[in-house]
Amino acid sequence: MVELRLPKNSKVKAGKRLLAPPDVKRVKEIHIYRFEPEDAQNPRLDRYQIDLDQCGSKVLDAIIKIKDELDPTVTFRRSCREGVCGSCAMNINGKNTLACLAAIADYPAVIRIYPLPHLKVIKDLVVDMTLIYQQYASIKPWLQKNNSEALRGAEGSVASGGREQLQSIDERKQLDGVYECVMCACCSASCPSYWWNGDRYLGPAVLLQAYRWLVDSRDDQKDQRLDALDDAFKLYRCHTIMNCTDTCPKGLNPAKAIAEIKKMLVQR
């Protein structure tokens, strides 16, 4: 009989616990996954208590407070703090999301924070995004024209051959629900198909971006883009599990975009 067990060094141990002062009235306990690659120790879960009356309203505010006041060794990514850059993607109480958009009030009990699943952990909450960025580059995420290379105009308008590439209102609406993706990888990291075939399956984040260029009326490379996606693994490893749509912190629907790409391939 096959017995499936986790490697010994993957089991998370209990870590240290830092308590709030006894006079703090509103205490919140936050558990953070800690992993130091240079140590031979197992990852651990450190526990911190913070004063909610001296903290911002978002989970990212709590993590920053812990790093600034309790434990400067806590390592994580963050940048814009407005849900635009996608840097602070992590797993909070079992769901992938952006820490800067997650409200502390939405978690009435203990908050447990882990790095995005499946991806290699570099340190603590920081994961290796190299493969996802390589896959993103492979779909050529820029405007392409048949006869001339797309140029950026002096005032920021997309131009080709000295002329602006105009869109109608309806054509522009086709980009709604796809251009908002910030490539945080919450969806890909929640996708079992990507866990199993991440080396060949592009995953929902990259396929959503691919769909964004397929529906852009200014792009002339639709057939070439579809040819590149028409692969048993790149596209068709999607089994419509829908984890990607459920977890997207921006409220987008990668599963629908993948279905639309499949429809395009059938229709042509």
C-alpha atoms as a PDB file:
ATOM      1  CA  MET A   1       0.000   0.000   0.000  1.00  0.00           C
ATOM      2  CA  VAL A   2       1.255   3.437  -0.930  1.00  0.00           C
ATOM      3  CA  GLU A   3       1.616   5.718   2.069  1.00  0.00           C
ATOM      4  CA  LEU A   4       1.672   9.427   1.383  1.00  0.00           C
ATOM      5  CA  ARG A   5       3.465  11.557   3.937  1.00  0.00           C
ATOM      6  CA  LEU A   6       4.898  15.044   3.982  1.00  0.00           C
ATOM      7  CA  PRO A   7       8.685  15.300   4.157  1.00  0.00           C
ATOM      8  CA  LYS A   8       9.846  15.766   7.739  1.00  0.00           C
ATOM      9  CA  ASN A   9      11.325  19.184   7.026  1.00  0.00           C
ATOM     10  CA  SER A  10       8.026  20.476   5.626  1.00  0.00           C
ATOM     11  CA  LYS A  11       6.044  20.120   8.826  1.00  0.00           C
ATOM     12  CA  VAL A  12       5.361  23.486  10.438  1.00  0.00           C
ATOM     13  CA  LYS A  13       6.365  23.725  14.083  1.00  0.00           C
ATOM     14  CA  ALA A  14       5.103  26.062  16.779  1.00  0.00           C
ATOM     15  CA  GLY A  15       7.266  29.155  17.022  1.00  0.00           C
ATOM     16  CA  LYS A  16       7.637  31.991  19.474  1.00  0.00           C
ATOM     17  CA  ARG A  17       4.763  33.986  20.948  1.00  0.00           C
ATOM     18  CA  LEU A  18       4.892  37.717  21.658  1.00  0.00           C
ATOM     19  CA  LEU A  19       2.081  38.911  23.924  1.00  0.00           C
ATOM     20  CA  ALA A  20       0.514  42.359  24.020  1.00  0.00           C
ATOM     21  CA  PRO A  21       0.894  44.435  27.203  1.00  0.00           C
ATOM     22  CA  PRO A  22      -1.754  43.605  29.844  1.00  0.00           C
ATOM     23  CA  ASP A  23      -3.361  47.056  29.590  1.00  0.00           C
ATOM     24  CA  VAL A  24      -4.266  46.658  25.896  1.00  0.00           C
ATOM     25  CA  LYS A  25      -8.051  46.519  25.546  1.00  0.00           C
ATOM     26  CA  ARG A  26      -8.481  45.307  21.946  1.00  0.00           C
ATOM     27  CA  VAL A  27      -6.048  42.510  21.208  1.00  0.00           C
ATOM     28  CA  LYS A  28      -5.694  40.646  17.931  1.00  0.00           C
ATOM     29  CA  GLU A  29      -3.576  37.530  17.596  1.00  0.00           C
ATOM     30  CA  ILE A  30      -1.843  36.955  14.264  1.00  0.00           C
ATOM     31  CA  HIS A  31       0.085  33.838  13.299  1.00  0.00           C
ATOM     32  CA  ILE A  32       2.735  34.236  10.598  1.00  0.00           C
ATOM     33  CA  TYR A  33       4.549  31.482   8.711  1.00  0.00           C
ATOM     34  CA  ARG A  34       8.310  31.804   9.147  1.00  0.00           C
ATOM     35  CA  PHE A  35      10.936  30.079   7.021  1.00  0.00           C
ATOM     36  CA  GLU A  36      14.640  30.796   6.949  1.00  0.00           C
ATOM     37  CA  PRO A  37      16.301  28.981   4.005  1.00  0.00           C
ATOM     38  CA  GLU A  38      19.764  29.271   5.512  1.00  0.00           C
ATOM     39  CA  ASP A  39      18.725  27.316   8.611  1.00  0.00           C
ATOM     40  CA  ALA A  40      18.257  23.575   8.729  1.00  0.00           C
ATOM     41  CA  GLN A  41      15.163  24.035  10.860  1.00  0.00           C
ATOM     42  CA  ASN A  42      11.570  23.299   9.904  1.00  0.00           C
ATOM     43  CA  PRO A  43       9.311  26.254   9.121  1.00  0.00           C
ATOM     44  CA  ARG A  44       7.482  27.580  12.150  1.00  0.00           C
ATOM     45  CA  LEU A  45       4.388  29.570  12.988  1.00  0.00           C
ATOM     46  CA  ASP A  46       5.159  32.620  15.125  1.00  0.00           C
ATOM     47  CA  ARG A  47       2.316  34.209  17.094  1.00  0.00           C
ATOM     48  CA  TYR A  48       1.986  37.926  17.726  1.00  0.00           C
ATOM     49  CA  GLN A  49      -0.554  39.956  19.648  1.00  0.00           C
ATOM     50  CA  ILE A  50      -1.173  43.534  18.531  1.00  0.00           C
ATOM     51  CA  ASP A  51      -3.188  46.491  19.797  1.00  0.00           C
ATOM     52  CA  LEU A  52      -6.008  47.106  17.332  1.00  0.00           C
ATOM     53  CA  ASP A  53      -6.475  50.641  18.651  1.00  0.00           C
ATOM     54  CA  GLN A  54      -2.957  51.458  17.431  1.00  0.00           C
ATOM     55  CA  CYS A  55      -3.174  49.724  14.057  1.00  0.00           C
ATOM     56  CA  GLY A  56      -4.675  50.370  10.628  1.00  0.00           C
ATOM     57  CA  SER A  57      -7.705  48.498   9.378  1.00  0.00           C
ATOM     58  CA  LYS A  58      -6.054  46.117   6.902  1.00  0.00           C
ATOM     59  CA  VAL A  59      -4.119  42.895   7.437  1.00  0.00           C
ATOM     60  CA  LEU A  60      -1.115  44.481   5.742  1.00  0.00           C
ATOM     61  CA  ASP A  61      -1.202  47.255   8.353  1.00  0.00           C
ATOM     62  CA  ALA A  62      -0.974  44.584  11.046  1.00  0.00           C
ATOM     63  CA  ILE A  63       1.981  42.866   9.375  1.00  0.00           C
ATOM     64  CA  ILE A  64       3.806  46.186   8.982  1.00  0.00           C
ATOM     65  CA  LYS A  65       3.121  46.973  12.640  1.00  0.00           C
ATOM     66  CA  ILE A  66       4.549  43.605  13.676  1.00  0.00           C
ATOM     67  CA  LYS A  67       7.692  44.215  11.603  1.00  0.00           C
ATOM     68  CA  ASP A  68       8.118  47.797  12.840  1.00  0.00           C
ATOM     69  CA  GLU A  69       7.410  47.224  16.535  1.00  0.00           C
ATOM     70  CA  LEU A  70       7.677  43.539  17.442  1.00  0.00           C
ATOM     71  CA  ASP A  71       9.871  41.558  15.055  1.00  0.00           C
ATOM     72  CA  PRO A  72      11.993  43.277  12.362  1.00  0.00           C
ATOM     73  CA  THR A  73      12.980  39.894  10.881  1.00  0.00           C
ATOM     74  CA  VAL A  74       9.507  39.226   9.417  1.00  0.00           C
ATOM     75  CA  THR A  75       9.915  39.238   5.623  1.00  0.00           C
ATOM     76  CA  PHE A  76       7.174  40.002   3.091  1.00  0.00           C
ATOM     77  CA  ARG A  77       6.504  41.986  -0.094  1.00  0.00           C
ATOM     78  CA  ARG A  78       4.427  45.129  -0.281  1.00  0.00           C
ATOM     79  CA  SER A  79       4.411  48.294  -2.323  1.00  0.00           C
ATOM     80  CA  CYS A  80       1.381  50.373  -3.271  1.00  0.00           C
ATOM     81  CA  ARG A  81      -0.932  49.353  -0.404  1.00  0.00           C
ATOM     82  CA  GLU A  82      -3.884  50.127  -2.709  1.00  0.00           C
ATOM     83  CA  GLY A  83      -4.538  46.770  -4.410  1.00  0.00           C
ATOM     84  CA  VAL A  84      -2.852  47.930  -7.616  1.00  0.00           C
ATOM     85  CA  CYS A  85       0.604  46.320  -7.603  1.00  0.00           C
ATOM     86  CA  GLY A  86      -0.223  42.789  -6.406  1.00  0.00           C
ATOM     87  CA  SER A  87       2.943  42.590  -4.287  1.00  0.00           C
ATOM     88  CA  CYS A  88       1.338  41.587  -0.979  1.00  0.00           C
ATOM     89  CA  ALA A  89      -0.401  38.434  -2.233  1.00  0.00           C
ATOM     90  CA  MET A  90      -0.491  35.790   0.501  1.00  0.00           C
ATOM     91  CA  ASN A  91      -2.736  33.119   1.995  1.00  0.00           C
ATOM     92  CA  ILE A  92      -4.861  34.476   4.827  1.00  0.00           C
ATOM     93  CA  ASN A  93      -6.951  31.987   6.791  1.00  0.00           C
ATOM     94  CA  GLY A  94      -6.857  29.526   3.917  1.00  0.00           C
ATOM     95  CA  LYS A  95      -7.656  31.870   1.034  1.00  0.00           C
ATOM     96  CA  ASN A  96      -5.276  33.629  -1.332  1.00  0.00           C
ATOM     97  CA  THR A  97      -5.786  37.387  -1.361  1.00  0.00           C
ATOM     98  CA  LEU A  98      -4.044  40.754  -1.157  1.00  0.00           C
ATOM     99  CA  ALA A  99      -3.183  41.715   2.412  1.00  0.00           C
ATOM    100  CA  CYS A 100      -3.712  45.406   1.634  1.00  0.00           C
ATOM    101  CA  LEU A 101      -7.356  44.744   0.671  1.00  0.00           C
ATOM    102  CA  ALA A 102      -8.144  42.247   3.444  1.00  0.00           C
ATOM    103  CA  ALA A 103      -9.856  43.955   6.385  1.00  0.00           C
ATOM    104  CA  ILE A 104      -8.887  42.795   9.870  1.00  0.00           C
ATOM    105  CA  ALA A 105     -12.557  43.080  10.846  1.00  0.00           C
ATOM    106  CA  ASP A 106     -13.408  40.310   8.366  1.00  0.00           C
ATOM    107  CA  TYR A 107     -11.470  37.840  10.510  1.00  0.00           C
ATOM    108  CA  PRO A 108     -13.140  37.722  13.930  1.00  0.00           C
ATOM    109  CA  ALA A 109     -10.863  34.966  15.259  1.00  0.00           C
ATOM    110  CA  VAL A 110      -7.122  34.410  14.933  1.00  0.00           C
ATOM    111  CA  ILE A 111      -5.549  35.477  11.614  1.00  0.00           C
ATOM    112  CA  ARG A 112      -3.197  32.882  10.138  1.00  0.00           C
ATOM    113  CA  ILE A 113      -0.936  34.086   7.335  1.00  0.00           C
ATOM    114  CA  TYR A 114       0.998  31.800   4.992  1.00  0.00           C
ATOM    115  CA  PRO A 115       2.823  32.372   1.683  1.00  0.00           C
ATOM    116  CA  LEU A 116       0.987  31.561  -1.539  1.00  0.00           C
ATOM    117  CA  PRO A 117       0.709  27.764  -1.864  1.00  0.00           C
ATOM    118  CA  HIS A 118       2.574  25.676  -4.463  1.00  0.00           C
ATOM    119  CA  LEU A 119       5.191  28.336  -5.166  1.00  0.00           C
ATOM    120  CA  LYS A 120       8.690  27.950  -3.778  1.00  0.00           C
ATOM    121  CA  VAL A 121       9.174  29.928  -0.582  1.00  0.00           C
ATOM    122  CA  ILE A 122      12.221  32.174  -0.639  1.00  0.00           C
ATOM    123  CA  LYS A 123      11.775  33.413   2.920  1.00  0.00           C
ATOM    124  CA  ASP A 124       8.776  33.768   5.235  1.00  0.00           C
ATOM    125  CA  LEU A 125       5.929  35.158   3.092  1.00  0.00           C
ATOM    126  CA  VAL A 126       8.052  35.810  -0.021  1.00  0.00           C
ATOM    127  CA  VAL A 127       7.621  33.301  -2.853  1.00  0.00           C
ATOM    128  CA  ASP A 128       9.521  32.801  -6.099  1.00  0.00           C
ATOM    129  CA  MET A 129       7.496  34.275  -9.001  1.00  0.00           C
ATOM    130  CA  THR A 130      10.132  33.587 -11.675  1.00  0.00           C
ATOM    131  CA  LEU A 131       8.185  30.887 -13.526  1.00  0.00           C
ATOM    132  CA  ILE A 132       4.965  32.904 -13.612  1.00  0.00           C
ATOM    133  CA  TYR A 133       6.781  35.939 -15.011  1.00  0.00           C
ATOM    134  CA  GLN A 134       8.451  33.761 -17.655  1.00  0.00           C
ATOM    135  CA  GLN A 135       5.062  32.350 -18.644  1.00  0.00           C
ATOM    136  CA  TYR A 136       3.648  35.875 -18.722  1.00  0.00           C
ATOM    137  CA  ALA A 137       6.430  36.981 -21.092  1.00  0.00           C
ATOM    138  CA  SER A 138       5.737  33.975 -23.342  1.00  0.00           C
ATOM    139  CA  ILE A 139       2.277  35.306 -24.342  1.00  0.00           C
ATOM    140  CA  LYS A 140       3.837  38.551 -25.634  1.00  0.00           C
ATOM    141  CA  PRO A 141       1.763  40.911 -23.469  1.00  0.00           C
ATOM    142  CA  TRP A 142       1.985  43.978 -25.669  1.00  0.00           C
ATOM    143  CA  LEU A 143       0.148  45.394 -28.674  1.00  0.00           C
ATOM    144  CA  GLN A 144       1.243  43.796 -31.958  1.00  0.00           C
ATOM    145  CA  LYS A 145       0.525  44.961 -35.506  1.00  0.00           C
ATOM    146  CA  ASN A 146       0.910  43.010 -38.749  1.00  0.00           C
ATOM    147  CA  ASN A 147       2.622  45.637 -40.861  1.00  0.00           C
ATOM    148  CA  SER A 148       4.361  47.885 -38.400  1.00  0.00           C
ATOM    149  CA  GLU A 149       5.588  47.731 -34.869  1.00  0.00           C
ATOM    150  CA  ALA A 150       3.360  49.448 -32.315  1.00  0.00           C
ATOM    151  CA  LEU A 151       4.878  52.705 -31.114  1.00  0.00           C
ATOM    152  CA  ARG A 152       4.198  54.796 -28.051  1.00  0.00           C
ATOM    153  CA  GLY A 153       3.166  58.320 -28.960  1.00  0.00           C
ATOM    154  CA  ALA A 154       4.638  61.403 -27.345  1.00  0.00           C
ATOM    155  CA  GLU A 155       1.509  61.951 -25.236  1.00  0.00           C
ATOM    156  CA  GLY A 156       1.130  58.304 -24.249  1.00  0.00           C
ATOM    157  CA  SER A 157      -1.374  57.218 -26.910  1.00  0.00           C
ATOM    158  CA  VAL A 158      -0.722  53.920 -28.680  1.00  0.00           C
ATOM    159  CA  ALA A 159       0.248  54.729 -32.260  1.00  0.00           C
ATOM    160  CA  SER A 160       1.315  52.786 -35.322  1.00  0.00           C
ATOM    161  CA  GLY A 161       2.628  54.295 -38.519  1.00  0.00           C
ATOM    162  CA  GLY A 162       2.096  57.774 -37.065  1.00  0.00           C
ATOM    163  CA  ARG A 163      -1.625  57.223 -36.399  1.00  0.00           C
ATOM    164  CA  GLU A 164      -3.505  56.587 -33.183  1.00  0.00           C
ATOM    165  CA  GLN A 165      -5.180  53.192 -32.881  1.00  0.00           C
ATOM    166  CA  LEU A 166      -8.707  54.238 -31.994  1.00  0.00           C
ATOM    167  CA  GLN A 167     -11.380  52.082 -30.375  1.00  0.00           C
ATOM    168  CA  SER A 168     -15.132  52.426 -30.242  1.00  0.00           C
ATOM    169  CA  ILE A 169     -16.879  52.461 -26.875  1.00  0.00           C
ATOM    170  CA  ASP A 170     -18.064  48.878 -27.412  1.00  0.00           C
ATOM    171  CA  GLU A 171     -14.567  47.726 -28.374  1.00  0.00           C
ATOM    172  CA  ARG A 172     -13.157  49.324 -25.244  1.00  0.00           C
ATOM    173  CA  LYS A 173     -15.769  47.572 -23.101  1.00  0.00           C
ATOM    174  CA  GLN A 174     -14.340  44.226 -24.179  1.00  0.00           C
ATOM    175  CA  LEU A 175     -11.342  44.949 -21.957  1.00  0.00           C
ATOM    176  CA  ASP A 176     -13.416  45.473 -18.810  1.00  0.00           C
ATOM    177  CA  GLY A 177     -12.919  42.666 -16.350  1.00  0.00           C
ATOM    178  CA  VAL A 178      -9.536  41.677 -17.776  1.00  0.00           C
ATOM    179  CA  TYR A 179      -7.292  44.745 -17.841  1.00  0.00           C
ATOM    180  CA  GLU A 180      -7.679  45.123 -14.051  1.00  0.00           C
ATOM    181  CA  CYS A 181      -5.555  42.025 -13.381  1.00  0.00           C
ATOM    182  CA  VAL A 182      -2.457  42.953 -11.358  1.00  0.00           C
ATOM    183  CA  MET A 183      -0.660  39.589 -11.791  1.00  0.00           C
ATOM    184  CA  CYS A 184      -0.679  38.888  -8.067  1.00  0.00           C
ATOM    185  CA  ALA A 185      -0.882  35.128  -8.860  1.00  0.00           C
ATOM    186  CA  CYS A 186      -3.540  34.462  -6.217  1.00  0.00           C
ATOM    187  CA  CYS A 187      -5.551  32.578  -8.839  1.00  0.00           C
ATOM    188  CA  SER A 188      -2.711  30.453 -10.204  1.00  0.00           C
ATOM    189  CA  ALA A 189      -1.556  29.567  -6.699  1.00  0.00           C
ATOM    190  CA  SER A 190      -5.070  28.326  -5.880  1.00  0.00           C
ATOM    191  CA  CYS A 191      -5.418  26.173  -9.019  1.00  0.00           C
ATOM    192  CA  PRO A 192      -4.844  22.398  -8.573  1.00  0.00           C
ATOM    193  CA  SER A 193      -4.204  22.049 -12.312  1.00  0.00           C
ATOM    194  CA  TYR A 194      -1.382  24.567 -11.953  1.00  0.00           C
ATOM    195  CA  TRP A 195      -0.029  22.737  -8.914  1.00  0.00           C
ATOM    196  CA  TRP A 196       0.172  19.516 -10.928  1.00  0.00           C
ATOM    197  CA  ASN A 197       1.351  20.910 -14.275  1.00  0.00           C
ATOM    198  CA  GLY A 198       2.821  24.323 -13.505  1.00  0.00           C
ATOM    199  CA  ASP A 199       5.817  23.692 -15.727  1.00  0.00           C
ATOM    200  CA  ARG A 200       3.585  23.398 -18.848  1.00  0.00           C
ATOM    201  CA  TYR A 201       0.129  24.762 -17.988  1.00  0.00           C
ATOM    202  CA  LEU A 202       0.122  28.554 -18.164  1.00  0.00           C
ATOM    203  CA  GLY A 203      -2.348  28.939 -15.317  1.00  0.00           C
ATOM    204  CA  PRO A 204      -5.314  31.293 -14.880  1.00  0.00           C
ATOM    205  CA  ALA A 205      -3.316  34.481 -14.276  1.00  0.00           C
ATOM    206  CA  VAL A 206      -1.358  34.247 -17.527  1.00  0.00           C
ATOM    207  CA  LEU A 207      -4.345  32.978 -19.545  1.00  0.00           C
ATOM    208  CA  LEU A 208      -6.441  35.911 -18.331  1.00  0.00           C
ATOM    209  CA  GLN A 209      -3.708  38.212 -19.595  1.00  0.00           C
ATOM    210  CA  ALA A 210      -3.611  36.301 -22.896  1.00  0.00           C
ATOM    211  CA  TYR A 211      -7.347  36.826 -23.293  1.00  0.00           C
ATOM    212  CA  ARG A 212      -6.880  40.560 -22.653  1.00  0.00           C
ATOM    213  CA  TRP A 213      -4.808  40.836 -25.844  1.00  0.00           C
ATOM    214  CA  LEU A 214      -7.049  38.505 -27.844  1.00  0.00           C
ATOM    215  CA  VAL A 215     -10.045  40.825 -27.342  1.00  0.00           C
ATOM    216  CA  ASP A 216      -8.133  44.062 -27.943  1.00  0.00           C
ATOM    217  CA  SER A 217      -9.437  45.424 -31.250  1.00  0.00           C
ATOM    218  CA  ARG A 218      -6.134  47.212 -31.908  1.00  0.00           C
ATOM    219  CA  ASP A 219      -4.128  43.990 -32.020  1.00  0.00           C
ATOM    220  CA  ASP A 220      -3.697  42.208 -35.371  1.00  0.00           C
ATOM    221  CA  GLN A 221      -2.095  39.005 -34.100  1.00  0.00           C
ATOM    222  CA  LYS A 222      -5.177  37.104 -32.912  1.00  0.00           C
ATOM    223  CA  ASP A 223      -4.529  34.021 -35.051  1.00  0.00           C
ATOM    224  CA  GLN A 224      -0.880  33.868 -34.052  1.00  0.00           C
ATOM    225  CA  ARG A 225      -1.792  34.261 -30.384  1.00  0.00           C
ATOM    226  CA  LEU A 226      -4.372  31.477 -30.636  1.00  0.00           C
ATOM    227  CA  ASP A 227      -1.878  29.217 -32.409  1.00  0.00           C
ATOM    228  CA  ALA A 228       0.530  29.675 -29.517  1.00  0.00           C
ATOM    229  CA  LEU A 229      -2.157  28.744 -26.975  1.00  0.00           C
ATOM    230  CA  ASP A 230      -3.570  25.758 -28.883  1.00  0.00           C
ATOM    231  CA  ASP A 231      -1.745  23.181 -26.799  1.00  0.00           C
ATOM    232  CA  ALA A 232      -2.890  20.246 -24.672  1.00  0.00           C
ATOM    233  CA  PHE A 233      -1.054  21.629 -21.646  1.00  0.00           C
ATOM    234  CA  LYS A 234      -0.785  25.406 -22.062  1.00  0.00           C
ATOM    235  CA  LEU A 235      -4.570  25.872 -22.186  1.00  0.00           C
ATOM    236  CA  TYR A 236      -6.462  22.612 -21.874  1.00  0.00           C
ATOM    237  CA  ARG A 237      -5.169  21.579 -18.457  1.00  0.00           C
ATOM    238  CA  CYS A 238      -7.922  23.819 -17.073  1.00  0.00           C
ATOM    239  CA  HIS A 239     -10.598  21.558 -15.567  1.00  0.00           C
ATOM    240  CA  THR A 240     -12.962  24.407 -14.572  1.00  0.00           C
ATOM    241  CA  ILE A 241     -12.415  23.905 -10.858  1.00  0.00           C
ATOM    242  CA  MET A 242     -13.214  27.633 -10.392  1.00  0.00           C
ATOM    243  CA  ASN A 243     -10.803  28.223  -7.493  1.00  0.00           C
ATOM    244  CA  CYS A 244      -9.269  31.025  -9.546  1.00  0.00           C
ATOM    245  CA  THR A 245     -12.493  33.003  -9.800  1.00  0.00           C
ATOM    246  CA  ASP A 246     -13.388  32.379  -6.165  1.00  0.00           C
ATOM    247  CA  THR A 247     -10.084  33.702  -4.825  1.00  0.00           C
ATOM    248  CA  CYS A 248      -9.381  36.675  -7.127  1.00  0.00           C
ATOM    249  CA  PRO A 249      -9.023  39.742  -4.850  1.00  0.00           C
ATOM    250  CA  LYS A 250      -9.983  42.033  -7.746  1.00  0.00           C
ATOM    251  CA  GLY A 251     -13.275  40.221  -8.396  1.00  0.00           C
ATOM    252  CA  LEU A 252     -12.248  39.052 -11.880  1.00  0.00           C
ATOM    253  CA  ASN A 253     -13.233  35.818 -13.605  1.00  0.00           C
ATOM    254  CA  PRO A 254     -10.193  33.986 -15.025  1.00  0.00           C
ATOM    255  CA  ALA A 255     -12.228  30.804 -15.558  1.00  0.00           C
ATOM    256  CA  LYS A 256     -14.572  32.649 -17.924  1.00  0.00           C
ATOM    257  CA  ALA A 257     -11.621  34.091 -19.847  1.00  0.00           C
ATOM    258  CA  ILE A 258     -10.152  30.603 -20.280  1.00  0.00           C
ATOM    259  CA  ALA A 259     -13.513  29.317 -21.513  1.00  0.00           C
ATOM    260  CA  GLU A 260     -13.693  32.184 -24.008  1.00  0.00           C
ATOM    261  CA  ILE A 261     -10.241  31.314 -25.377  1.00  0.00           C
ATOM    262  CA  LYS A 262     -11.348  27.719 -25.871  1.00  0.00           C
ATOM    263  CA  LYS A 263     -14.477  28.999 -27.654  1.00  0.00           C
ATOM    264  CA  MET A 264     -12.356  31.161 -29.952  1.00  0.00           C
ATOM    265  CA  LEU A 265     -10.290  28.147 -30.947  1.00  0.00           C
ATOM    266  CA  VAL A 266     -13.408  26.103 -31.725  1.00  0.00           C
ATOM    267  CA  GLN A 267     -15.099  28.875 -33.694  1.00  0.00           C
ATOM    268  CA  ARG A 268     -12.164  29.548 -35.978  1.00  0.00           C
END
